Amino acid sequence: MGVLYYAEYLHLFERARNAYIRERGMSYKEVEKKGVFLPVREAQCRYRAPARYDDLIYVRAGVSEWKRASLRFIYEIWDEGKTRCMAEGMTQHAFVDGAGKPVAIPSWFSERCR
């Protein structure tokens, strides 16, 4: 059909989330080296207009909600000219240690990402 496969939007969200963290002075790999992991607890995507293969797009990411041991990222995918929203969504993440047990969001993370 020449349109971007629906599940690829979640990959775009992931790349935008990693870029968001990187733009704040750390990589997700560095976060994990400190013993903190952010598994996805929930994901949503609302498709508004199809992206076609080879389209240039703009993906916007931000944090919309902070809790003690979780946060919610929100995303928007726009066409190249930023005139048409093609999709919007969110992912909710728990903060866990290496054993998978919930931990409070570390101050070093929230200070950079708020």
PDB file of N, CA and C in Angstrom:
ATOM      1  N   MET A   1       0.812  -1.205   0.000  1.00  0.00           N
ATOM      2  CA  MET A   1       0.000   0.000   0.000  1.00  0.00           C
ATOM      3  C   MET A   1       0.857   1.272   0.000  1.00  0.00           C
ATOM      4  N   GLY A   2       2.162   1.122   0.179  1.00  0.00           N
ATOM      5  CA  GLY A   2       3.041   2.278   0.121  1.00  0.00           C
ATOM      6  C   GLY A   2       3.034   3.148   1.358  1.00  0.00           C
ATOM      7  N   VAL A   3       2.399   2.680   2.433  1.00  0.00           N
ATOM      8  CA  VAL A   3       2.371   3.471   3.671  1.00  0.00           C
ATOM      9  C   VAL A   3       3.213   2.790   4.729  1.00  0.00           C
ATOM     10  N   LEU A   4       3.636   3.570   5.690  1.00  0.00           N
ATOM     11  CA  LEU A   4       4.442   3.058   6.782  1.00  0.00           C
ATOM     12  C   LEU A   4       3.631   2.060   7.607  1.00  0.00           C
ATOM     13  N   TYR A   5       4.197   0.902   7.844  1.00  0.00           N
ATOM     14  CA  TYR A   5       3.559  -0.157   8.625  1.00  0.00           C
ATOM     15  C   TYR A   5       3.239   0.374  10.020  1.00  0.00           C
ATOM     16  N   TYR A   6       2.047   0.070  10.504  1.00  0.00           N
ATOM     17  CA  TYR A   6       1.551   0.676  11.735  1.00  0.00           C
ATOM     18  C   TYR A   6       2.478   0.480  12.933  1.00  0.00           C
ATOM     19  N   ALA A   7       3.118  -0.677  13.064  1.00  0.00           N
ATOM     20  CA  ALA A   7       3.979  -0.925  14.221  1.00  0.00           C
ATOM     21  C   ALA A   7       5.262  -0.101  14.178  1.00  0.00           C
ATOM     22  N   GLU A   8       5.644   0.372  13.005  1.00  0.00           N
ATOM     23  CA  GLU A   8       6.853   1.191  12.895  1.00  0.00           C
ATOM     24  C   GLU A   8       6.727   2.509  13.649  1.00  0.00           C
ATOM     25  N   TYR A   9       5.501   2.968  13.866  1.00  0.00           N
ATOM     26  CA  TYR A   9       5.313   4.205  14.620  1.00  0.00           C
ATOM     27  C   TYR A   9       5.872   4.057  16.035  1.00  0.00           C
ATOM     28  N   LEU A  10       5.741   2.881  16.619  1.00  0.00           N
ATOM     29  CA  LEU A  10       6.303   2.658  17.953  1.00  0.00           C
ATOM     30  C   LEU A  10       7.823   2.697  17.923  1.00  0.00           C
ATOM     31  N   HIS A  11       8.415   2.235  16.826  1.00  0.00           N
ATOM     32  CA  HIS A  11       9.869   2.358  16.679  1.00  0.00           C
ATOM     33  C   HIS A  11      10.285   3.822  16.578  1.00  0.00           C
ATOM     34  N   LEU A  12       9.487   4.607  15.874  1.00  0.00           N
ATOM     35  CA  LEU A  12       9.775   6.044  15.794  1.00  0.00           C
ATOM     36  C   LEU A  12       9.675   6.683  17.173  1.00  0.00           C
ATOM     37  N   PHE A  13       8.682   6.268  17.952  1.00  0.00           N
ATOM     38  CA  PHE A  13       8.551   6.788  19.319  1.00  0.00           C
ATOM     39  C   PHE A  13       9.803   6.443  20.127  1.00  0.00           C
ATOM     40  N   GLU A  14      10.275   5.213  20.000  1.00  0.00           N
ATOM     41  CA  GLU A  14      11.456   4.786  20.755  1.00  0.00           C
ATOM     42  C   GLU A  14      12.682   5.615  20.377  1.00  0.00           C
ATOM     43  N   ARG A  15      12.866   5.824  19.086  1.00  0.00           N
ATOM     44  CA  ARG A  15      14.018   6.631  18.645  1.00  0.00           C
ATOM     45  C   ARG A  15      13.906   8.061  19.162  1.00  0.00           C
ATOM     46  N   ALA A  16      12.708   8.615  19.144  1.00  0.00           N
ATOM     47  CA  ALA A  16      12.512   9.979  19.644  1.00  0.00           C
ATOM     48  C   ALA A  16      12.769  10.048  21.147  1.00  0.00           C
ATOM     49  N   ARG A  17      12.331   9.028  21.871  1.00  0.00           N
ATOM     50  CA  ARG A  17      12.556   8.983  23.321  1.00  0.00           C
ATOM     51  C   ARG A  17      14.049   8.920  23.633  1.00  0.00           C
ATOM     52  N   ASN A  18      14.786   8.086  22.894  1.00  0.00           N
ATOM     53  CA  ASN A  18      16.226   8.005  23.100  1.00  0.00           C
ATOM     54  C   ASN A  18      16.913   9.327  22.760  1.00  0.00           C
ATOM     55  N   ALA A  19      16.454   9.986  21.699  1.00  0.00           N
ATOM     56  CA  ALA A  19      17.023  11.287  21.338  1.00  0.00           C
ATOM     57  C   ALA A  19      16.721  12.320  22.416  1.00  0.00           C
ATOM     58  N   TYR A  20      15.514  12.274  22.976  1.00  0.00           N
ATOM     59  CA  TYR A  20      15.132  13.195  24.054  1.00  0.00           C
ATOM     60  C   TYR A  20      16.093  13.046  25.238  1.00  0.00           C
ATOM     61  N   ILE A  21      16.369  11.815  25.628  1.00  0.00           N
ATOM     62  CA  ILE A  21      17.283  11.572  26.746  1.00  0.00           C
ATOM     63  C   ILE A  21      18.688  12.017  26.375  1.00  0.00           C
ATOM     64  N   ARG A  22      19.133  11.701  25.163  1.00  0.00           N
ATOM     65  CA  ARG A  22      20.474  12.075  24.717  1.00  0.00           C
ATOM     66  C   ARG A  22      20.651  13.592  24.673  1.00  0.00           C
ATOM     67  N   GLU A  23      19.618  14.309  24.228  1.00  0.00           N
ATOM     68  CA  GLU A  23      19.705  15.771  24.168  1.00  0.00           C
ATOM     69  C   GLU A  23      19.836  16.396  25.556  1.00  0.00           C
ATOM     70  N   ARG A  24      19.545  15.640  26.568  1.00  0.00           N
ATOM     71  CA  ARG A  24      19.656  16.128  27.942  1.00  0.00           C
ATOM     72  C   ARG A  24      20.932  15.657  28.623  1.00  0.00           C
ATOM     73  N   GLY A  25      21.877  15.187  27.829  1.00  0.00           N
ATOM     74  CA  GLY A  25      23.216  14.927  28.330  1.00  0.00           C
ATOM     75  C   GLY A  25      23.524  13.518  28.761  1.00  0.00           C
ATOM     76  N   MET A  26      22.689  12.554  28.402  1.00  0.00           N
ATOM     77  CA  MET A  26      23.003  11.164  28.739  1.00  0.00           C
ATOM     78  C   MET A  26      22.390  10.259  27.676  1.00  0.00           C
ATOM     79  N   SER A  27      22.913   9.075  27.581  1.00  0.00           N
ATOM     80  CA  SER A  27      22.331   8.104  26.667  1.00  0.00           C
ATOM     81  C   SER A  27      21.540   7.092  27.490  1.00  0.00           C
ATOM     82  N   TYR A  28      20.652   6.379  26.814  1.00  0.00           N
ATOM     83  CA  TYR A  28      19.904   5.344  27.532  1.00  0.00           C
ATOM     84  C   TYR A  28      20.863   4.268  28.030  1.00  0.00           C
ATOM     85  N   LYS A  29      21.929   4.020  27.290  1.00  0.00           N
ATOM     86  CA  LYS A  29      22.939   3.046  27.720  1.00  0.00           C
ATOM     87  C   LYS A  29      23.563   3.479  29.048  1.00  0.00           C
ATOM     88  N   GLU A  30      23.816   4.774  29.199  1.00  0.00           N
ATOM     89  CA  GLU A  30      24.366   5.286  30.458  1.00  0.00           C
ATOM     90  C   GLU A  30      23.363   5.126  31.611  1.00  0.00           C
ATOM     91  N   VAL A  31      22.094   5.334  31.318  1.00  0.00           N
ATOM     92  CA  VAL A  31      21.054   5.145  32.335  1.00  0.00           C
ATOM     93  C   VAL A  31      21.095   3.704  32.821  1.00  0.00           C
ATOM     94  N   GLU A  32      21.167   2.761  31.896  1.00  0.00           N
ATOM     95  CA  GLU A  32      21.213   1.344  32.271  1.00  0.00           C
ATOM     96  C   GLU A  32      22.484   0.995  33.025  1.00  0.00           C
ATOM     97  N   LYS A  33      23.612   1.611  32.658  1.00  0.00           N
ATOM     98  CA  LYS A  33      24.871   1.357  33.378  1.00  0.00           C
ATOM     99  C   LYS A  33      24.756   1.766  34.846  1.00  0.00           C
ATOM    100  N   LYS A  34      23.876   2.730  35.127  1.00  0.00           N
ATOM    101  CA  LYS A  34      23.661   3.161  36.516  1.00  0.00           C
ATOM    102  C   LYS A  34      22.660   2.262  37.230  1.00  0.00           C
ATOM    103  N   GLY A  35      22.217   1.195  36.563  1.00  0.00           N
ATOM    104  CA  GLY A  35      21.348   0.215  37.200  1.00  0.00           C
ATOM    105  C   GLY A  35      19.869   0.534  37.163  1.00  0.00           C
ATOM    106  N   VAL A  36      19.473   1.446  36.267  1.00  0.00           N
ATOM    107  CA  VAL A  36      18.064   1.833  36.158  1.00  0.00           C
ATOM    108  C   VAL A  36      17.568   1.469  34.759  1.00  0.00           C
ATOM    109  N   PHE A  37      16.380   0.873  34.708  1.00  0.00           N
ATOM    110  CA  PHE A  37      15.792   0.450  33.446  1.00  0.00           C
ATOM    111  C   PHE A  37      14.391   1.033  33.339  1.00  0.00           C
ATOM    112  N   LEU A  38      13.951   1.303  32.120  1.00  0.00           N
ATOM    113  CA  LEU A  38      12.639   1.930  31.892  1.00  0.00           C
ATOM    114  C   LEU A  38      11.779   1.059  30.974  1.00  0.00           C
ATOM    115  N   PRO A  39      11.290  -0.078  31.443  1.00  0.00           N
ATOM    116  CA  PRO A  39      10.446  -0.894  30.574  1.00  0.00           C
ATOM    117  C   PRO A  39       9.135  -0.182  30.254  1.00  0.00           C
ATOM    118  N   VAL A  40       8.622  -0.454  29.072  1.00  0.00           N
ATOM    119  CA  VAL A  40       7.339   0.112  28.656  1.00  0.00           C
ATOM    120  C   VAL A  40       6.220  -0.658  29.356  1.00  0.00           C
ATOM    121  N   ARG A  41       5.340   0.077  30.042  1.00  0.00           N
ATOM    122  CA  ARG A  41       4.178  -0.530  30.699  1.00  0.00           C
ATOM    123  C   ARG A  41       2.931  -0.437  29.837  1.00  0.00           C
ATOM    124  N   GLU A  42       2.892   0.598  29.020  1.00  0.00           N
ATOM    125  CA  GLU A  42       1.726   0.823  28.164  1.00  0.00           C
ATOM    126  C   GLU A  42       2.172   1.643  26.969  1.00  0.00           C
ATOM    127  N   ALA A  43       1.544   1.404  25.818  1.00  0.00           N
ATOM    128  CA  ALA A  43       1.834   2.185  24.609  1.00  0.00           C
ATOM    129  C   ALA A  43       0.531   2.422  23.862  1.00  0.00           C
ATOM    130  N   GLN A  44       0.415   3.618  23.310  1.00  0.00           N
ATOM    131  CA  GLN A  44      -0.755   3.968  22.502  1.00  0.00           C
ATOM    132  C   GLN A  44      -0.298   4.774  21.299  1.00  0.00           C
ATOM    133  N   CYS A  45      -1.031   4.613  20.212  1.00  0.00           N
ATOM    134  CA  CYS A  45      -0.781   5.419  19.026  1.00  0.00           C
ATOM    135  C   CYS A  45      -2.116   5.698  18.347  1.00  0.00           C
ATOM    136  N   ARG A  46      -2.319   6.949  18.030  1.00  0.00           N
ATOM    137  CA  ARG A  46      -3.498   7.330  17.251  1.00  0.00           C
ATOM    138  C   ARG A  46      -3.002   7.775  15.880  1.00  0.00           C
ATOM    139  N   TYR A  47      -3.455   7.071  14.866  1.00  0.00           N
ATOM    140  CA  TYR A  47      -3.034   7.337  13.496  1.00  0.00           C
ATOM    141  C   TYR A  47      -3.994   8.352  12.875  1.00  0.00           C
ATOM    142  N   ARG A  48      -3.459   9.470  12.405  1.00  0.00           N
ATOM    143  CA  ARG A  48      -4.288  10.543  11.859  1.00  0.00           C
ATOM    144  C   ARG A  48      -4.196  10.635  10.335  1.00  0.00           C
ATOM    145  N   ALA A  49      -3.015  10.427   9.801  1.00  0.00           N
ATOM    146  CA  ALA A  49      -2.795  10.480   8.351  1.00  0.00           C
ATOM    147  C   ALA A  49      -1.610   9.570   8.055  1.00  0.00           C
ATOM    148  N   PRO A  50      -1.645   8.860   6.949  1.00  0.00           N
ATOM    149  CA  PRO A  50      -0.564   7.901   6.690  1.00  0.00           C
ATOM    150  C   PRO A  50       0.745   8.582   6.311  1.00  0.00           C
ATOM    151  N   ALA A  51       1.823   8.049   6.851  1.00  0.00           N
ATOM    152  CA  ALA A  51       3.155   8.414   6.376  1.00  0.00           C
ATOM    153  C   ALA A  51       3.473   7.443   5.245  1.00  0.00           C
ATOM    154  N   ARG A  52       4.043   7.945   4.192  1.00  0.00           N
ATOM    155  CA  ARG A  52       4.389   7.104   3.045  1.00  0.00           C
ATOM    156  C   ARG A  52       5.893   6.885   3.044  1.00  0.00           C
ATOM    157  N   TYR A  53       6.305   5.790   2.446  1.00  0.00           N
ATOM    158  CA  TYR A  53       7.731   5.504   2.379  1.00  0.00           C
ATOM    159  C   TYR A  53       8.458   6.661   1.708  1.00  0.00           C
ATOM    160  N   ASP A  54       9.601   6.990   2.262  1.00  0.00           N
ATOM    161  CA  ASP A  54      10.468   8.077   1.814  1.00  0.00           C
ATOM    162  C   ASP A  54       9.959   9.460   2.189  1.00  0.00           C
ATOM    163  N   ASP A  55       8.833   9.562   2.906  1.00  0.00           N
ATOM    164  CA  ASP A  55       8.414  10.866   3.432  1.00  0.00           C
ATOM    165  C   ASP A  55       9.436  11.339   4.460  1.00  0.00           C
ATOM    166  N   LEU A  56       9.695  12.620   4.459  1.00  0.00           N
ATOM    167  CA  LEU A  56      10.472  13.218   5.543  1.00  0.00           C
ATOM    168  C   LEU A  56       9.471  13.627   6.614  1.00  0.00           C
ATOM    169  N   ILE A  57       9.776  13.264   7.846  1.00  0.00           N
ATOM    170  CA  ILE A  57       8.859  13.538   8.950  1.00  0.00           C
ATOM    171  C   ILE A  57       9.603  14.192  10.097  1.00  0.00           C
ATOM    172  N   TYR A  58       8.845  14.762  10.997  1.00  0.00           N
ATOM    173  CA  TYR A  58       9.356  15.386  12.210  1.00  0.00           C
ATOM    174  C   TYR A  58       8.681  14.675  13.379  1.00  0.00           C
ATOM    175  N   VAL A  59       9.477  14.182  14.316  1.00  0.00           N
ATOM    176  CA  VAL A  59       8.935  13.494  15.481  1.00  0.00           C
ATOM    177  C   VAL A  59       9.270  14.307  16.721  1.00  0.00           C
ATOM    178  N   ARG A  60       8.255  14.625  17.471  1.00  0.00           N
ATOM    179  CA  ARG A  60       8.399  15.426  18.689  1.00  0.00           C
ATOM    180  C   ARG A  60       8.139  14.529  19.895  1.00  0.00           C
ATOM    181  N   ALA A  61       8.988  14.620  20.921  1.00  0.00           N
ATOM    182  CA  ALA A  61       8.821  13.826  22.138  1.00  0.00           C
ATOM    183  C   ALA A  61       8.947  14.724  23.353  1.00  0.00           C
ATOM    184  N   GLY A  62       8.235  14.373  24.400  1.00  0.00           N
ATOM    185  CA  GLY A  62       8.322  15.096  25.665  1.00  0.00           C
ATOM    186  C   GLY A  62       7.766  14.234  26.781  1.00  0.00           C
ATOM    187  N   VAL A  63       7.944  14.708  27.996  1.00  0.00           N
ATOM    188  CA  VAL A  63       7.410  13.998  29.162  1.00  0.00           C
ATOM    189  C   VAL A  63       6.178  14.759  29.629  1.00  0.00           C
ATOM    190  N   SER A  64       5.066  14.044  29.777  1.00  0.00           N
ATOM    191  CA  SER A  64       3.823  14.705  30.185  1.00  0.00           C
ATOM    192  C   SER A  64       3.434  14.426  31.633  1.00  0.00           C
ATOM    193  N   GLU A  65       4.017  13.402  32.223  1.00  0.00           N
ATOM    194  CA  GLU A  65       3.603  13.042  33.583  1.00  0.00           C
ATOM    195  C   GLU A  65       4.757  12.380  34.318  1.00  0.00           C
ATOM    196  N   TRP A  66       4.983  12.844  35.531  1.00  0.00           N
ATOM    197  CA  TRP A  66       5.993  12.267  36.419  1.00  0.00           C
ATOM    198  C   TRP A  66       5.286  11.700  37.643  1.00  0.00           C
ATOM    199  N   LYS A  67       5.620  10.480  37.990  1.00  0.00           N
ATOM    200  CA  LYS A  67       5.152   9.894  39.242  1.00  0.00           C
ATOM    201  C   LYS A  67       6.380   9.450  40.029  1.00  0.00           C
ATOM    202  N   ARG A  68       6.156   8.830  41.174  1.00  0.00           N
ATOM    203  CA  ARG A  68       7.291   8.441  42.016  1.00  0.00           C
ATOM    204  C   ARG A  68       8.245   7.476  41.304  1.00  0.00           C
ATOM    205  N   ALA A  69       7.689   6.471  40.628  1.00  0.00           N
ATOM    206  CA  ALA A  69       8.527   5.449  39.993  1.00  0.00           C
ATOM    207  C   ALA A  69       8.132   5.199  38.541  1.00  0.00           C
ATOM    208  N   SER A  70       7.522   6.188  37.897  1.00  0.00           N
ATOM    209  CA  SER A  70       7.150   6.029  36.488  1.00  0.00           C
ATOM    210  C   SER A  70       7.012   7.387  35.829  1.00  0.00           C
ATOM    211  N   LEU A  71       6.995   7.379  34.528  1.00  0.00           N
ATOM    212  CA  LEU A  71       6.750   8.601  33.771  1.00  0.00           C
ATOM    213  C   LEU A  71       6.071   8.257  32.462  1.00  0.00           C
ATOM    214  N   ARG A  72       5.515   9.289  31.842  1.00  0.00           N
ATOM    215  CA  ARG A  72       4.805   9.119  30.571  1.00  0.00           C
ATOM    216  C   ARG A  72       5.433  10.039  29.531  1.00  0.00           C
ATOM    217  N   PHE A  73       5.872   9.430  28.432  1.00  0.00           N
ATOM    218  CA  PHE A  73       6.343  10.191  27.282  1.00  0.00           C
ATOM    219  C   PHE A  73       5.177  10.358  26.314  1.00  0.00           C
ATOM    220  N   ILE A  74       5.124  11.515  25.667  1.00  0.00           N
ATOM    221  CA  ILE A  74       4.139  11.754  24.615  1.00  0.00           C
ATOM    222  C   ILE A  74       4.891  12.066  23.326  1.00  0.00           C
ATOM    223  N   TYR A  75       4.242  11.782  22.200  1.00  0.00           N
ATOM    224  CA  TYR A  75       4.880  11.915  20.897  1.00  0.00           C
ATOM    225  C   TYR A  75       3.906  12.493  19.890  1.00  0.00           C
ATOM    226  N   GLU A  76       4.458  13.206  18.933  1.00  0.00           N
ATOM    227  CA  GLU A  76       3.709  13.662  17.764  1.00  0.00           C
ATOM    228  C   GLU A  76       4.587  13.428  16.542  1.00  0.00           C
ATOM    229  N   ILE A  77       3.979  12.953  15.487  1.00  0.00           N
ATOM    230  CA  ILE A  77       4.679  12.776  14.217  1.00  0.00           C
ATOM    231  C   ILE A  77       4.021  13.703  13.210  1.00  0.00           C
ATOM    232  N   TRP A  78       4.837  14.586  12.618  1.00  0.00           N
ATOM    233  CA  TRP A  78       4.353  15.602  11.682  1.00  0.00           C
ATOM    234  C   TRP A  78       4.993  15.403  10.320  1.00  0.00           C
ATOM    235  N   ASP A  79       4.337  15.913   9.308  1.00  0.00           N
ATOM    236  CA  ASP A  79       4.932  15.920   7.976  1.00  0.00           C
ATOM    237  C   ASP A  79       6.118  16.884   7.981  1.00  0.00           C
ATOM    238  N   GLU A  80       6.879  16.850   6.916  1.00  0.00           N
ATOM    239  CA  GLU A  80       8.107  17.647   6.844  1.00  0.00           C
ATOM    240  C   GLU A  80       7.868  19.129   7.109  1.00  0.00           C
ATOM    241  N   GLY A  81       6.783  19.681   6.613  1.00  0.00           N
ATOM    242  CA  GLY A  81       6.496  21.098   6.800  1.00  0.00           C
ATOM    243  C   GLY A  81       5.822  21.426   8.121  1.00  0.00           C
ATOM    244  N   LYS A  82       5.588  20.424   8.924  1.00  0.00           N
ATOM    245  CA  LYS A  82       4.927  20.567  10.230  1.00  0.00           C
ATOM    246  C   LYS A  82       3.548  21.208  10.084  1.00  0.00           C
ATOM    247  N   THR A  83       2.842  20.827   9.026  1.00  0.00           N
ATOM    248  CA  THR A  83       1.491  21.350   8.803  1.00  0.00           C
ATOM    249  C   THR A  83       0.410  20.306   9.053  1.00  0.00           C
ATOM    250  N   ARG A  84       0.815  19.039   9.108  1.00  0.00           N
ATOM    251  CA  ARG A  84      -0.172  17.970   9.279  1.00  0.00           C
ATOM    252  C   ARG A  84       0.340  16.963  10.305  1.00  0.00           C
ATOM    253  N   CYS A  85      -0.433  16.782  11.378  1.00  0.00           N
ATOM    254  CA  CYS A  85      -0.092  15.775  12.380  1.00  0.00           C
ATOM    255  C   CYS A  85      -0.499  14.410  11.832  1.00  0.00           C
ATOM    256  N   MET A  86       0.469  13.528  11.720  1.00  0.00           N
ATOM    257  CA  MET A  86       0.224  12.210  11.136  1.00  0.00           C
ATOM    258  C   MET A  86      -0.105  11.163  12.200  1.00  0.00           C
ATOM    259  N   ALA A  87       0.437  11.343  13.396  1.00  0.00           N
ATOM    260  CA  ALA A  87       0.164  10.404  14.484  1.00  0.00           C
ATOM    261  C   ALA A  87       0.542  11.060  15.801  1.00  0.00           C
ATOM    262  N   GLU A  88      -0.086  10.585  16.850  1.00  0.00           N
ATOM    263  CA  GLU A  88       0.285  11.014  18.200  1.00  0.00           C
ATOM    264  C   GLU A  88       0.141   9.816  19.114  1.00  0.00           C
ATOM    265  N   GLY A  89       0.925   9.812  20.168  1.00  0.00           N
ATOM    266  CA  GLY A  89       0.859   8.661  21.055  1.00  0.00           C
ATOM    267  C   GLY A  89       1.577   8.896  22.348  1.00  0.00           C
ATOM    268  N   MET A  90       1.661   7.813  23.105  1.00  0.00           N
ATOM    269  CA  MET A  90       2.341   7.887  24.391  1.00  0.00           C
ATOM    270  C   MET A  90       2.891   6.515  24.754  1.00  0.00           C
ATOM    271  N   THR A  91       3.894   6.534  25.604  1.00  0.00           N
ATOM    272  CA  THR A  91       4.384   5.325  26.256  1.00  0.00           C
ATOM    273  C   THR A  91       4.547   5.635  27.734  1.00  0.00           C
ATOM    274  N   GLN A  92       4.133   4.710  28.557  1.00  0.00           N
ATOM    275  CA  GLN A  92       4.317   4.851  30.003  1.00  0.00           C
ATOM    276  C   GLN A  92       5.408   3.879  30.416  1.00  0.00           C
ATOM    277  N   HIS A  93       6.331   4.352  31.254  1.00  0.00           N
ATOM    278  CA  HIS A  93       7.498   3.571  31.650  1.00  0.00           C
ATOM    279  C   HIS A  93       7.606   3.485  33.163  1.00  0.00           C
ATOM    280  N   ALA A  94       7.903   2.295  33.637  1.00  0.00           N
ATOM    281  CA  ALA A  94       8.254   2.108  35.043  1.00  0.00           C
ATOM    282  C   ALA A  94       9.757   2.325  35.173  1.00  0.00           C
ATOM    283  N   PHE A  95      10.194   2.700  36.340  1.00  0.00           N
ATOM    284  CA  PHE A  95      11.617   2.720  36.667  1.00  0.00           C
ATOM    285  C   PHE A  95      11.868   1.502  37.542  1.00  0.00           C
ATOM    286  N   VAL A  96      12.772   0.637  37.095  1.00  0.00           N
ATOM    287  CA  VAL A  96      13.064  -0.578  37.843  1.00  0.00           C
ATOM    288  C   VAL A  96      14.575  -0.761  37.953  1.00  0.00           C
ATOM    289  N   ASP A  97      14.974  -1.583  38.946  1.00  0.00           N
ATOM    290  CA  ASP A  97      16.389  -1.935  39.081  1.00  0.00           C
ATOM    291  C   ASP A  97      16.683  -3.167  38.236  1.00  0.00           C
ATOM    292  N   GLY A  98      17.886  -3.687  38.333  1.00  0.00           N
ATOM    293  CA  GLY A  98      18.298  -4.836  37.542  1.00  0.00           C
ATOM    294  C   GLY A  98      17.503  -6.097  37.811  1.00  0.00           C
ATOM    295  N   ALA A  99      16.858  -6.162  38.972  1.00  0.00           N
ATOM    296  CA  ALA A  99      16.029  -7.322  39.318  1.00  0.00           C
ATOM    297  C   ALA A  99      14.574  -7.127  38.894  1.00  0.00           C
ATOM    298  N   GLY A 100      14.279  -5.970  38.313  1.00  0.00           N
ATOM    299  CA  GLY A 100      12.916  -5.697  37.871  1.00  0.00           C
ATOM    300  C   GLY A 100      12.014  -5.136  38.953  1.00  0.00           C
ATOM    301  N   LYS A 101      12.590  -4.726  40.069  1.00  0.00           N
ATOM    302  CA  LYS A 101      11.791  -4.150  41.158  1.00  0.00           C
ATOM    303  C   LYS A 101      11.678  -2.642  40.979  1.00  0.00           C
ATOM    304  N   PRO A 102      10.493  -2.080  41.222  1.00  0.00           N
ATOM    305  CA  PRO A 102      10.310  -0.634  41.063  1.00  0.00           C
ATOM    306  C   PRO A 102      11.255   0.170  41.960  1.00  0.00           C
ATOM    307  N   VAL A 103      11.751   1.260  41.409  1.00  0.00           N
ATOM    308  CA  VAL A 103      12.593   2.192  42.162  1.00  0.00           C
ATOM    309  C   VAL A 103      12.103   3.609  41.883  1.00  0.00           C
ATOM    310  N   ALA A 104      12.340   4.482  42.824  1.00  0.00           N
ATOM    311  CA  ALA A 104      11.998   5.895  42.620  1.00  0.00           C
ATOM    312  C   ALA A 104      12.846   6.461  41.487  1.00  0.00           C
ATOM    313  N   ILE A 105      12.278   7.400  40.764  1.00  0.00           N
ATOM    314  CA  ILE A 105      13.033   8.052  39.689  1.00  0.00           C
ATOM    315  C   ILE A 105      14.241   8.741  40.309  1.00  0.00           C
ATOM    316  N   PRO A 106      15.441   8.394  39.876  1.00  0.00           N
ATOM    317  CA  PRO A 106      16.634   9.011  40.455  1.00  0.00           C
ATOM    318  C   PRO A 106      16.679  10.519  40.183  1.00  0.00           C
ATOM    319  N   SER A 107      17.198  11.259  41.132  1.00  0.00           N
ATOM    320  CA  SER A 107      17.281  12.717  40.979  1.00  0.00           C
ATOM    321  C   SER A 107      18.146  13.098  39.788  1.00  0.00           C
ATOM    322  N   TRP A 108      19.215  12.349  39.514  1.00  0.00           N
ATOM    323  CA  TRP A 108      20.081  12.666  38.379  1.00  0.00           C
ATOM    324  C   TRP A 108      19.324  12.552  37.060  1.00  0.00           C
ATOM    325  N   PHE A 109      18.289  11.722  37.003  1.00  0.00           N
ATOM    326  CA  PHE A 109      17.486  11.605  35.793  1.00  0.00           C
ATOM    327  C   PHE A 109      16.464  12.736  35.727  1.00  0.00           C
ATOM    328  N   SER A 110      15.728  12.937  36.796  1.00  0.00           N
ATOM    329  CA  SER A 110      14.668  13.957  36.762  1.00  0.00           C
ATOM    330  C   SER A 110      15.228  15.371  36.631  1.00  0.00           C
ATOM    331  N   GLU A 111      16.401  15.625  37.202  1.00  0.00           N
ATOM    332  CA  GLU A 111      17.001  16.969  37.088  1.00  0.00           C
ATOM    333  C   GLU A 111      17.338  17.299  35.640  1.00  0.00           C
ATOM    334  N   ARG A 112      17.712  16.322  34.862  1.00  0.00           N
ATOM    335  CA  ARG A 112      18.056  16.559  33.459  1.00  0.00           C
ATOM    336  C   ARG A 112      16.854  16.554  32.533  1.00  0.00           C
ATOM    337  N   CYS A 113      15.834  15.801  32.891  1.00  0.00           N
ATOM    338  CA  CYS A 113      14.719  15.582  31.956  1.00  0.00           C
ATOM    339  C   CYS A 113      13.460  16.372  32.288  1.00  0.00           C
ATOM    340  N   ARG A 114      13.415  17.080  33.382  1.00  0.00           N
ATOM    341  CA  ARG A 114      12.221  17.873  33.686  1.00  0.00           C
ATOM    342  C   ARG A 114      12.283  19.197  32.983  1.00  0.00           C
TER     343      ARG A 114
END
